[in-house]
Protein backbone atom coordinates (compact mmCIF):
# COMPACT_ATOMS: atom_id res chain seq x y z
CA ALA A 1 -8.24 31.20 30.23
CA LEU A 2 -11.59 28.91 29.84
CA ARG A 3 -10.14 28.25 26.34
CA LYS A 4 -6.51 27.16 27.66
CA ALA A 5 -7.68 25.12 30.16
CA LYS A 6 -10.22 23.42 28.00
CA LEU A 7 -7.16 23.32 25.69
CA GLN A 8 -4.66 21.51 28.23
CA GLU A 9 -7.04 19.23 29.21
CA SER A 10 -7.57 18.28 25.59
CA MET A 11 -4.13 17.83 24.98
CA LEU A 12 -3.70 15.82 28.08
CA ILE A 13 -6.68 13.51 27.00
CA LEU A 14 -4.87 13.22 23.51
CA GLY A 15 -1.39 12.37 25.66
CA LYS A 16 -3.39 9.44 27.10
CA LEU A 17 -4.64 7.93 24.14
CA HIS A 18 -1.64 8.03 22.36
CA ARG A 19 0.57 6.38 25.12
CA LEU A 20 -2.59 4.02 25.25
CA ALA A 21 -1.89 3.10 21.34
CA ASN A 22 1.65 2.72 21.87
CA ASP A 23 1.25 0.29 24.57
CA ILE A 24 -1.53 -1.58 22.46
CA ALA A 25 0.69 -1.34 19.04
CA ALA A 26 4.39 -1.30 19.54
CA ASP A 27 5.66 -3.90 17.89
CA THR A 28 4.07 -6.28 19.85
CA PRO A 29 1.00 -8.73 19.06
CA THR A 30 -2.07 -6.13 19.88
CA GLY A 31 -5.20 -8.63 20.15
CA TYR A 32 -4.74 -8.54 24.08
CA GLY A 33 -5.38 -4.97 25.01
CA THR A 34 -9.05 -4.34 26.57
CA VAL A 35 -9.53 -1.39 23.96
CA SER A 36 -8.73 -2.47 20.98
CA THR A 37 -10.79 -5.44 21.75
CA SER A 38 -13.57 -3.68 22.27
CA LEU A 39 -12.78 -1.70 19.30
CA SER A 40 -12.66 -4.43 17.12
CA VAL A 41 -15.76 -6.32 18.52
CA SER A 42 -17.91 -2.99 17.99
CA LEU A 43 -16.09 -2.80 14.19
CA THR A 44 -17.05 -6.86 13.50
CA THR A 45 -20.97 -6.65 15.05
CA MET A 46 -21.43 -3.45 12.54
CA CYS A 47 -20.65 -5.80 10.10
CA VAL A 48 -22.77 -8.43 10.57
CA LEU A 49 -25.52 -5.75 11.03
CA PHE A 50 -24.69 -4.50 7.37
CA THR A 51 -24.35 -7.59 6.26
CA ALA A 52 -27.86 -9.20 7.54
CA ALA A 53 -29.71 -5.86 7.03
CA THR A 54 -28.60 -6.16 3.18
CA LEU A 55 -29.84 -9.43 2.76
CA LEU A 56 -33.20 -8.75 4.52
CA ASP A 57 -33.55 -6.00 2.78
CA ALA A 58 -33.13 -7.85 -0.43
CA LEU A 59 -35.44 -10.88 0.95
CA SER A 60 -38.42 -8.68 1.49
CA SER A 61 -38.56 -7.28 -1.86
CA LEU A 62 -41.11 -8.61 -4.24
CA GLU A 63 -37.92 -9.09 -7.10
CA LYS A 64 -36.28 -11.40 -4.25
CA LYS A 65 -34.14 -13.60 -6.84
CA ARG A 66 -33.09 -10.53 -8.64
CA ARG A 67 -32.53 -8.45 -5.46
CA LEU A 68 -30.87 -11.08 -3.75
CA ILE A 69 -28.69 -11.65 -7.18
CA ARG A 70 -27.84 -8.39 -6.74
CA ALA A 71 -26.50 -8.58 -3.29
CA ALA A 72 -24.47 -11.36 -3.33
CA ASN A 73 -22.85 -9.63 -5.92
CA ALA A 74 -22.14 -7.18 -3.97
CA PHE A 75 -21.13 -9.25 -1.19
CA CYS A 76 -18.22 -11.21 -3.16
CA VAL A 77 -15.76 -8.55 -2.26
CA LEU A 78 -16.37 -9.26 1.81
CA TRP A 79 -16.43 -12.57 1.07
CA SER A 80 -13.08 -12.60 -0.71
CA MET A 81 -11.29 -10.70 1.68
CA LEU A 82 -12.46 -13.29 4.74
CA VAL A 83 -10.93 -16.10 2.31
CA GLY A 84 -7.95 -14.02 2.18
CA LEU A 85 -7.96 -12.55 5.88
CA CYS A 86 -8.74 -16.24 6.99
CA THR A 87 -5.94 -18.01 4.83
CA VAL A 88 -3.07 -15.88 6.38
CA THR A 89 -4.33 -16.06 10.04
CA ALA A 90 -4.59 -19.79 9.54
CA VAL A 91 -0.88 -19.77 8.03
CA LEU A 92 0.61 -17.42 10.64
CA SER A 93 -1.13 -19.73 13.87
CA VAL A 94 1.20 -22.65 12.39
CA ILE A 95 4.12 -20.76 11.92
CA ARG A 96 4.31 -19.38 15.41
CA SER A 97 3.21 -22.54 17.12
CA GLN A 98 6.41 -24.14 16.29
CA ASP A 99 9.39 -24.66 18.47
CA ILE A 100 12.59 -23.23 17.37
CA ASP A 101 15.25 -25.69 17.16
CA GLY A 102 18.79 -23.77 17.86
CA GLY A 103 18.61 -20.12 16.06
CA ALA A 104 15.54 -19.45 14.35
CA HIS A 105 14.98 -22.91 12.60
CA ARG A 106 11.55 -24.53 13.29
CA LYS A 107 10.82 -28.26 13.81
CA TYR A 108 7.45 -28.00 11.96
CA THR A 109 4.98 -30.45 13.81
CA LEU A 110 1.31 -30.50 13.11
CA LYS A 111 0.90 -27.52 16.10
CA TYR A 112 -1.48 -24.56 15.85
CA ASP A 113 -3.08 -21.66 17.75
CA GLY A 114 -6.54 -20.84 19.02
CA ASN A 115 -6.83 -19.06 16.01
CA PHE A 116 -6.38 -21.62 13.76
CA ILE A 117 -9.72 -23.48 13.85
CA PRO A 118 -11.90 -20.47 13.80
CA ALA A 119 -10.07 -19.16 11.04
CA CYS A 120 -10.45 -22.47 8.94
CA ILE A 121 -14.11 -22.51 9.76
CA ILE A 122 -14.78 -19.10 8.62
CA GLY A 123 -12.49 -18.96 5.86
CA ALA A 124 -14.58 -22.38 4.13
CA LEU A 125 -17.79 -20.62 5.10
CA ALA A 126 -16.55 -17.81 3.10
CA ALA A 127 -15.38 -19.71 -0.03
CA ILE A 128 -18.59 -21.75 -0.38
CA LEU A 129 -20.20 -18.40 -0.57
CA LEU A 130 -17.81 -16.87 -2.72
CA LEU A 131 -17.77 -20.04 -5.46
CA THR A 132 -21.29 -20.33 -4.92
CA THR A 133 -22.10 -16.50 -6.81
CA LEU A 134 -19.15 -17.08 -9.07
CA THR A 135 -20.92 -20.40 -10.09
CA TYR A 136 -23.82 -18.68 -11.07
CA ASN A 137 -22.93 -15.71 -12.39
CA ILE A 138 -20.92 -17.98 -15.07
CA LEU A 139 -23.67 -20.19 -15.89
CA GLU A 140 -27.04 -17.51 -15.58
CA THR A 141 -26.25 -15.49 -18.97
CA ASP A 142 -29.32 -13.24 -18.02
CA ASN A 143 -27.55 -11.76 -15.04
CA LYS A 144 -24.90 -9.50 -16.42
CA PRO A 145 -24.24 -5.82 -15.34
CA ARG A 146 -24.88 -2.79 -17.75
CA PHE A 147 -22.34 -0.47 -18.67
CA SER A 148 -21.28 2.35 -20.70
CA GLY A 149 -18.57 4.75 -21.19
CA SER A 150 -15.52 5.31 -19.75
CA ALA A 151 -15.48 8.93 -18.38
CA GLU A 152 -17.17 7.85 -15.09
CA SER A 153 -14.26 4.92 -14.75
CA THR A 154 -11.54 8.39 -15.12
CA ALA A 155 -13.47 10.52 -12.61
CA LYS A 156 -13.41 7.43 -9.88
CA PHE A 157 -10.10 6.07 -10.67
CA ASP A 158 -8.55 9.97 -10.73
CA ASN A 159 -10.39 10.60 -7.12
CA PHE A 160 -8.82 7.44 -5.45
CA LYS A 161 -5.43 7.76 -7.09
CA TYR A 162 -5.47 11.24 -4.94
CA CYS A 163 -6.34 9.33 -1.86
CA THR A 164 -3.89 7.08 -2.59
CA VAL A 165 -0.81 8.81 -2.99
CA MET A 166 -2.09 11.49 0.15
CA GLY A 167 -2.01 8.09 1.94
CA ILE A 168 1.65 7.18 1.16
CA ILE A 169 2.67 10.90 1.77
CA VAL A 170 1.40 10.61 4.98
CA LEU A 171 3.25 7.58 5.98
CA GLY A 172 6.39 8.44 4.71
CA ILE A 173 6.34 11.60 6.65
CA CYS A 174 4.78 10.71 9.62
CA ILE A 175 3.17 7.39 10.51
CA ASP A 176 6.43 5.60 8.91
CA ASN A 177 8.48 6.99 11.63
CA ALA A 178 6.64 7.14 14.77
CA GLY A 179 5.22 5.46 17.75
CA PHE A 180 2.09 3.84 17.18
CA TRP A 181 1.88 4.21 13.18
CA LYS A 182 4.66 2.48 12.62
CA SER A 183 3.56 -1.09 13.90
CA TYR A 184 0.81 -1.09 11.29
CA ASN A 185 3.16 -0.28 8.17
CA ASN A 186 2.75 -3.65 6.67
CA PHE A 187 -0.75 -3.16 6.64
CA PHE A 188 -1.18 0.18 5.36
CA HIS A 189 1.80 0.16 2.72
CA SER A 190 0.64 -3.16 0.97
CA HIS A 191 -2.77 -1.68 0.50
CA LEU A 192 -1.92 2.08 -0.84
CA PHE A 193 1.48 0.66 -3.14
CA GLY A 194 -1.13 -1.96 -4.23
CA ALA A 195 -3.94 0.32 -5.06
CA LEU A 196 -1.09 2.48 -6.87
CA ALA A 197 0.60 -0.09 -8.60
CA ILE A 198 -3.05 -1.12 -10.15
CA LEU A 199 -3.84 2.24 -10.97
CA SER A 200 -0.61 3.05 -12.51
CA GLY A 201 -1.20 -0.47 -14.75
CA TYR A 202 -4.53 0.49 -15.65
CA ALA A 203 -3.39 4.30 -17.08
CA CYS A 204 -0.52 2.55 -18.63
CA ALA A 205 -2.96 0.22 -20.71
CA PHE A 206 -4.16 3.12 -23.11
CA THR A 207 -0.55 3.04 -24.49
CA ILE A 208 0.66 -0.53 -24.51
CA ALA A 209 -0.58 -1.28 -28.22
CA GLU A 210 0.96 2.33 -29.11
CA PRO A 211 4.08 3.34 -30.54
CA ARG A 212 4.34 5.91 -27.64
CA ASN A 213 4.79 3.56 -25.00
CA ILE A 214 8.29 3.00 -25.93
CA SER A 215 8.80 6.94 -24.73
CA ASN A 216 6.73 6.23 -21.96
CA VAL A 217 9.15 3.46 -21.10
CA LEU A 218 12.38 5.87 -21.74
CA LYS A 219 10.94 8.74 -19.82
CA SER A 220 10.16 6.73 -16.69
CA ALA A 221 13.98 5.56 -16.94
CA PHE A 222 15.33 9.26 -17.44
CA TYR A 223 12.80 10.19 -14.29
CA TYR A 224 14.27 7.57 -12.37
CA PHE A 225 17.77 8.37 -13.07
CA TRP A 226 17.57 12.32 -12.91
CA ASN A 227 15.75 11.74 -9.44
CA ASN A 228 17.84 9.57 -7.90
CA ALA A 229 20.68 11.71 -8.95
CA LEU A 230 18.87 14.81 -7.10
CA MET A 231 18.27 12.58 -3.98
CA VAL A 232 21.92 12.10 -3.89
CA VAL A 233 23.03 15.58 -4.26
CA PHE A 234 20.81 16.69 -1.54
CA PHE A 235 21.95 13.66 0.93
CA TYR A 236 25.45 14.22 0.71
CA PHE A 237 25.69 18.07 -0.37
CA VAL A 238 22.90 19.64 2.13
CA LEU A 239 21.44 17.47 4.50
CA LEU A 240 24.81 16.30 5.70
CA HIS A 241 25.44 19.43 6.52
CA ILE A 242 22.40 20.25 8.17
CA ALA A 243 22.85 17.59 10.55
CA TYR A 244 26.02 18.67 11.04
CA MET A 245 24.71 21.59 12.80
CA ASN A 246 21.84 20.31 14.52
CA TYR A 247 23.75 17.18 16.01
CA SER A 248 26.03 17.24 19.03
CA GLY A 249 29.01 16.17 17.15
CA LYS A 250 29.94 15.26 13.64
CA GLY A 251 30.28 11.22 14.61
CA GLU A 252 26.73 11.48 15.69
CA ALA A 253 25.36 13.01 12.83
CA GLU A 254 26.92 10.86 10.63
CA THR A 255 25.56 7.43 12.66
CA MET A 256 22.02 8.64 11.97
CA MET A 257 22.89 9.57 8.36
CA ASN A 258 24.16 6.33 7.91
CA ALA A 259 21.11 4.21 9.35
CA LEU A 260 18.94 6.31 6.66
CA SER A 261 21.20 5.87 3.96
CA PRO A 262 20.51 3.27 1.38
CA TRP A 263 24.23 3.38 -0.20
CA GLU A 264 27.61 2.40 1.09
CA ASN A 265 28.67 3.83 4.19
CA SER A 266 30.79 6.62 3.03
CA PHE A 267 30.59 10.24 3.13
CA ASN A 268 33.38 11.09 0.57
CA VAL A 269 31.78 11.12 -2.71
CA ARG A 270 33.22 11.66 -5.74
CA PHE A 271 32.58 11.75 -9.58
CA ARG A 272 32.81 7.79 -9.46
CA GLY A 273 31.00 7.27 -5.95
CA PHE A 274 27.92 9.77 -7.20
CA LEU A 275 27.83 7.66 -10.17
CA GLU A 276 27.64 4.27 -8.03
CA ARG A 277 25.03 6.02 -6.27
CA VAL A 278 22.88 7.15 -9.15
CA PHE A 279 22.79 3.69 -10.84
CA GLY A 280 22.67 1.75 -7.71
CA GLU A 281 20.30 1.35 -5.07
CA PRO A 282 17.24 3.38 -4.99
CA ALA A 283 16.91 6.16 -3.00
CA PHE A 284 13.77 5.79 -0.86
CA ASN A 285 11.05 5.80 -1.82
CA LEU A 286 11.98 6.19 -5.60
CA TRP A 287 12.07 2.65 -5.30
CA TYR A 288 8.57 2.87 -7.10
CA LEU A 289 9.81 4.76 -10.03
CA GLN A 290 12.67 2.19 -10.60
CA SER A 291 9.52 -0.68 -10.45
CA LEU A 292 7.32 1.82 -12.56
CA PHE A 293 10.06 1.46 -15.32
CA ALA A 294 10.85 -2.27 -14.96
CA TRP A 295 6.74 -3.06 -15.31
CA LEU A 296 6.55 -0.43 -18.09
CA LEU A 297 9.04 -2.37 -20.02
CA ILE A 298 7.90 -5.44 -19.83
CA ILE A 299 3.96 -5.06 -19.81
CA PRO A 300 3.94 -5.32 -23.59
CA VAL A 301 5.25 -8.82 -24.02
CA TRP A 302 4.01 -9.81 -20.92
CA MET A 303 0.31 -9.05 -21.66
CA GLN A 304 0.82 -11.35 -24.73
CA PHE A 305 0.09 -14.40 -22.65
CA ARG A 306 -3.13 -16.40 -22.16
CA HIS A 307 -3.28 -15.61 -18.70
CA PRO A 308 -0.82 -12.35 -17.56
CA VAL A 309 -2.57 -12.02 -14.02
CA LEU A 310 -1.72 -15.98 -13.16
CA LEU A 311 1.60 -15.60 -14.38
CA SER A 312 2.26 -12.65 -12.54
CA VAL A 313 0.90 -13.98 -9.21
CA LEU A 314 3.30 -16.93 -9.60
CA LEU A 315 6.57 -14.79 -10.10
CA ALA A 316 5.04 -12.97 -7.01
CA LEU A 317 5.46 -16.25 -5.26
CA VAL A 318 9.28 -17.09 -6.46
CA ALA A 319 10.24 -13.84 -5.05
CA PRO A 320 10.39 -14.63 -1.37
CA PHE A 321 12.59 -17.68 -2.00
CA LEU A 322 15.23 -15.66 -3.86
CA ASN A 323 17.90 -13.47 -2.10
CA ALA A 324 16.73 -10.25 -3.75
CA TRP A 325 16.62 -7.31 -1.56
CA ASN A 326 14.65 -4.14 -1.37
CA THR A 327 13.40 -2.89 -4.75
CA PRO A 328 13.86 -5.97 -7.05
CA TYR A 329 11.85 -7.92 -4.42
CA ARG A 330 9.00 -5.13 -4.39
CA THR A 331 8.98 -5.09 -8.27
CA MET A 332 8.44 -8.70 -8.02
CA MET A 333 5.85 -8.71 -5.14
CA PHE A 334 3.48 -5.74 -6.89
CA PHE A 335 4.04 -6.57 -10.19
CA PRO A 336 0.65 -8.77 -10.28
CA TYR A 337 -1.27 -5.69 -9.01
CA PHE A 338 0.16 -3.81 -12.01
CA VAL A 339 -0.95 -6.84 -14.23
CA ILE A 340 -4.41 -6.41 -12.97
CA GLY A 341 -4.62 -2.68 -13.70
CA ALA A 342 -3.41 -3.20 -16.79
CA SER A 343 -5.82 -6.32 -17.57
CA MET A 344 -9.32 -4.10 -16.36
CA GLN A 345 -9.58 -2.52 -19.81
CA GLU A 346 -10.11 -6.42 -21.15
CA ASP A 347 -13.30 -7.33 -21.85
CA HIS A 348 -14.57 -4.05 -20.31
CA ASN A 349 -13.69 -5.10 -16.98
CA ASP A 350 -12.99 -2.02 -15.33
CA MET A 351 -17.10 -0.80 -16.73
CA ARG A 352 -17.96 -4.09 -14.96
CA PHE A 353 -16.35 -3.10 -12.01
CA LEU A 354 -18.29 0.35 -11.90
CA ALA A 355 -21.75 -0.78 -12.81
CA LEU A 356 -21.64 -3.07 -9.65
CA ALA A 357 -20.04 -0.02 -7.75
CA LYS A 358 -23.24 1.95 -8.60
CA ASP A 359 -25.26 -0.85 -6.57
CA GLY A 360 -26.34 0.56 -3.62
CA TYR A 361 -25.55 -3.00 -2.06
CA MET A 362 -21.84 -2.66 -3.38
CA THR A 363 -21.66 0.40 -0.71
CA VAL A 364 -23.01 -1.39 1.87
CA ALA A 365 -20.75 -4.76 1.01
CA SER A 366 -17.63 -2.34 0.77
CA LEU A 367 -18.34 -0.19 4.17
CA ALA A 368 -18.79 -3.84 5.82
CA THR A 369 -15.40 -5.21 4.58
CA MET A 370 -13.94 -2.07 6.01
CA CYS A 371 -15.33 -2.45 8.88
CA LEU A 372 -13.70 -5.85 9.30
CA VAL A 373 -10.63 -5.03 8.32
CA LEU A 374 -10.32 -2.43 10.64
CA ALA A 375 -11.54 -4.44 13.28
CA PHE A 376 -8.46 -7.15 12.12
CA ILE A 377 -5.56 -4.16 12.17
CA ILE A 378 -7.03 -2.88 15.57
CA SER A 379 -7.31 -6.28 17.56
CA CYS A 380 -4.74 -8.34 15.30
CA PRO A 381 -3.47 -11.32 17.47
CA PHE A 382 -0.04 -11.06 15.47
CA ASN A 383 2.80 -9.29 15.56
CA VAL A 384 2.33 -6.73 12.94
CA VAL A 385 5.81 -6.20 12.48
CA ASP A 386 7.61 -9.77 12.33
CA ASP A 387 4.20 -11.82 11.54
CA ILE A 388 2.31 -10.08 9.31
CA GLY A 389 5.94 -8.64 7.71
CA ILE A 390 6.24 -12.33 6.21
CA PHE A 391 3.75 -11.32 3.77
CA GLY A 392 2.77 -7.68 3.72
CA TYR A 393 4.95 -5.11 2.68
CA SER A 394 8.28 -6.70 3.06
CA TRP A 395 11.90 -6.58 1.47
CA VAL A 396 13.61 -9.02 2.23
CA SER A 397 13.13 -13.34 1.56
CA TYR A 398 11.51 -15.98 3.75
CA SER A 399 14.95 -16.68 5.08
CA GLU A 400 15.65 -13.25 6.02
CA ARG A 401 12.66 -12.66 7.81
CA VAL A 402 11.56 -16.30 8.98
CA GLY A 403 14.80 -18.50 9.20
CA ASP A 404 13.75 -20.54 6.79
CA ALA A 405 11.57 -20.98 3.18
CA GLN A 406 8.79 -23.20 3.76
CA TRP A 407 6.84 -24.24 0.85
CA TRP A 408 3.48 -24.13 1.92
CA TYR A 409 4.27 -20.45 3.52
CA LEU A 410 2.51 -19.84 -0.49
CA ILE A 411 -0.28 -20.31 0.98
CA GLY A 412 -0.78 -17.32 3.21
CA HIS A 413 1.22 -14.90 0.57
CA VAL A 414 -1.45 -15.85 -1.63
CA GLY A 415 -4.01 -14.95 0.81
CA TRP A 416 -2.17 -11.83 1.79
CA ILE A 417 -2.82 -11.13 -1.84
CA VAL A 418 -6.41 -12.03 -2.31
CA PHE A 419 -6.88 -9.78 1.31
CA THR A 420 -5.23 -7.12 -0.04
CA ILE A 421 -6.82 -6.95 -3.66
CA SER A 422 -10.50 -7.34 -2.14
CA SER A 423 -9.64 -4.51 0.33
CA ILE A 424 -8.62 -2.11 -2.46
CA CYS A 425 -11.77 -2.85 -4.18
CA SER A 426 -13.93 -1.87 -1.25
CA VAL A 427 -12.06 1.49 -0.90
CA ALA A 428 -12.19 2.00 -4.77
CA ALA A 429 -15.96 1.25 -5.06
CA LEU A 430 -16.50 4.14 -2.27
CA MET A 431 -15.00 6.87 -4.38
CA PRO A 432 -17.22 9.62 -6.01
CA PRO A 433 -17.80 8.45 -9.80
CA PHE A 434 -17.73 12.29 -10.49
CA GLN A 435 -14.63 14.31 -11.37
CA THR A 436 -13.72 16.35 -8.28
CA TYR A 437 -11.09 18.93 -7.88
CA PHE A 438 -8.89 16.30 -6.14
CA GLY A 439 -9.34 14.08 -8.72
CA LYS A 440 -8.07 16.33 -10.88
CA ALA A 441 -5.32 17.45 -9.50
CA ALA A 442 -4.20 13.86 -9.35
CA LYS A 443 -3.00 13.92 -13.23
CA HIS A 444 0.46 15.41 -11.56
CA TRP A 445 0.39 12.88 -9.04
CA LEU A 446 4.54 12.02 -9.33
CA VAL A 447 5.31 15.43 -8.03
CA PRO A 448 3.97 15.33 -4.36
CA TYR A 449 5.03 11.51 -4.80
CA ILE A 450 8.87 12.35 -4.90
CA LEU A 451 8.77 15.35 -3.07
CA HIS A 452 7.56 14.12 0.35
CA GLY A 453 10.80 12.11 0.48
CA TYR A 454 12.59 15.60 0.43
CA VAL A 455 10.11 16.23 3.51
CA MET A 456 11.06 13.04 5.64
CA LEU A 457 14.82 13.59 5.62
CA PHE A 458 14.81 17.41 6.38
CA LEU A 459 13.08 16.57 9.17
CA PHE A 460 15.67 13.84 10.26
CA GLY A 461 18.11 15.98 9.59
CA VAL A 462 17.05 18.99 11.75
CA GLY A 463 16.60 16.43 14.74
CA PHE A 464 12.94 16.49 14.72
CA TYR A 465 13.17 12.79 14.34
CA GLY A 466 15.17 10.61 16.03
CA ASN A 467 17.74 11.66 18.75
CA ALA A 468 21.45 11.76 18.84
CA GLN A 469 22.19 11.74 22.43
CA ALA A 470 19.96 9.44 23.43
CA GLN A 471 20.97 5.77 24.47
CA ASP A 472 18.79 4.60 21.58
CA LYS A 473 19.84 6.76 18.62
CA PHE A 474 17.48 5.65 16.26
CA SER A 475 14.43 5.92 18.16
CA THR A 476 12.05 7.71 16.30
CA SER A 477 8.88 7.55 19.11
CA LEU A 478 7.21 11.08 18.83
CA PRO A 479 5.29 12.72 22.22
CA ILE A 480 1.58 13.58 21.57
CA ARG A 481 2.33 17.23 19.96
CA LYS A 482 4.82 16.48 17.80
CA HIS A 483 3.08 13.88 16.29
CA VAL A 484 -0.40 15.85 16.03
CA THR A 485 1.91 18.79 14.51
CA VAL A 486 3.28 16.16 11.80
CA VAL A 487 0.25 14.71 10.62
CA PHE A 488 -1.14 17.97 9.73
CA LEU A 489 2.14 19.02 8.23
CA ALA A 490 2.31 16.12 6.16
CA ILE A 491 -1.52 16.64 5.03
CA GLY A 492 -0.65 20.35 4.22
CA LEU A 493 2.45 19.89 2.50
CA GLY A 494 0.65 16.94 0.34
CA ASN A 495 -1.82 19.41 -0.80
CA LEU A 496 0.13 21.71 -1.60
CA CYS A 497 1.89 20.16 -3.59
CA PHE A 498 -1.15 18.58 -5.30
CA VAL A 499 -2.28 22.66 -6.16
CA PRO A 500 -2.36 22.40 -10.20
CA ARG A 501 -0.10 25.97 -10.53
CA VAL A 502 2.00 24.52 -7.70
CA ALA A 503 3.00 20.87 -9.24
CA SER A 504 2.79 22.69 -13.09
CA ASN A 505 5.88 24.39 -12.14
CA LEU A 506 7.60 22.02 -9.37
CA LYS A 507 7.00 19.72 -12.34
CA TYR A 508 10.08 21.21 -14.21
CA LEU A 509 12.60 20.07 -10.81
CA VAL A 510 11.12 16.62 -10.45
CA LEU A 511 9.97 15.87 -13.78
CA PRO A 512 11.83 18.16 -16.55
CA PRO A 513 10.37 17.97 -20.15
CA ILE A 514 11.72 15.73 -22.25
CA ASP A 515 9.13 15.62 -24.97
CA TRP A 516 11.40 17.07 -27.80
CA MET A 517 13.64 14.38 -27.55
CA PHE A 518 11.13 12.49 -29.04
CA LEU A 519 9.56 12.35 -32.88
CA PRO A 520 5.74 12.93 -32.66
CA THR A 521 3.58 9.61 -32.44
CA THR A 522 2.30 10.25 -36.62
CA GLN A 523 5.76 10.48 -37.45
CA HIS A 524 7.01 8.16 -35.21
CA ALA A 525 4.42 5.17 -36.95
CA LYS A 526 5.30 5.84 -40.32
CA LYS A 527 8.63 5.41 -39.86
């Protein structure tokens, strides 16, 4: 009885926290809540203390110059994150302060809110510190990090890949579709898919110049169409009938399924309709497989440019001005991250990053960066869906999102790219440098990534998400008990699919072996 009473009390406290979190974050500006402000101030204070203690430690040493240089190099990740974040804040403060003329069109003037001046000052100071450090490193030839070997980079990046894919799985199954977490979709998805694109680019860099790169491109195309076909079969011939049994009527079930479906709103799927869906819009999370196929096809030619990263950023900046929708838009938006990953082996940039990550100052700088990012997320002064979504994890153009397309929106977009890459580097630096069980399991990362989409759809089909009888038929907000349950469900199923024996068996379903279709590399090179 005592344990039951304590459990009820704990659930009551969790329920209050859950309702408070929903009030803070539900599609409204999140910077005006007392709790969120206190948390953000605490995290910011921790960041300042981390930075101050590290610099004082460097100055108190006998080798002041050398240690101060190490600390300055490590804190470049913090300065670059601040530059990107302050740029985004300044641009959004101008966008939000404009008057609406008629519909969604703004009459732009020199108006800004209270976040503009602090963002400009902090961003300018961070930019000065960043440029000073970079300039010194360019001019000082004796201050080069030592590096050797690639086994450590493989282990660290494998561990990072596991954490990234697990984060995407949790987002896809629960956070993306429930109350409080849905508001922060743009933050987490931008960072997680950006990190996954970097890791995918780094993995493909080993085979760009080899003949088997062509077979990798063809395999990626086959796997995409194969899984898109499986998803079409599951959606129309399995999930739809499950929805018929769990919703009050056929019309209500089809209403929910239409809201989910990326294809034409027709449930009479014949052979022609099946082919149109397979070779049309990608199903749900399979957009990344389609983008990966496009990137692998382009990257051998793209890496022949003198400045591939700069050109990829320019391509990403053009995307929001086009009328591209969903996958083509995201393919262009995340392409710079893929190119950065593919460029990491040039001049041993991956080894330089590992040498910097070994330094204790880099650990402190990464922790300070994460604290500051969390502080901004918790107490964001903007609407995290409508404002941050302009530059974050979006699938529509500026005109669709804001109502117009001004050229200076590009400034905020560049700031967002810098912000996400700096945050990704800070997390990657904290990954263990040795091989772990989870790092080894990340070898089959595509299996849990593909299968988690089926779990999310199944939860919709059985009525776990959504309520077709409610007035808001597309509401996906969950009570606290269901929310906690689905979080643990996502973590458990994700780890289950990562188990090597389970993944190797499920791989025959989602990634069937097709190596027999290609000549061996040696014979292919000879021919």
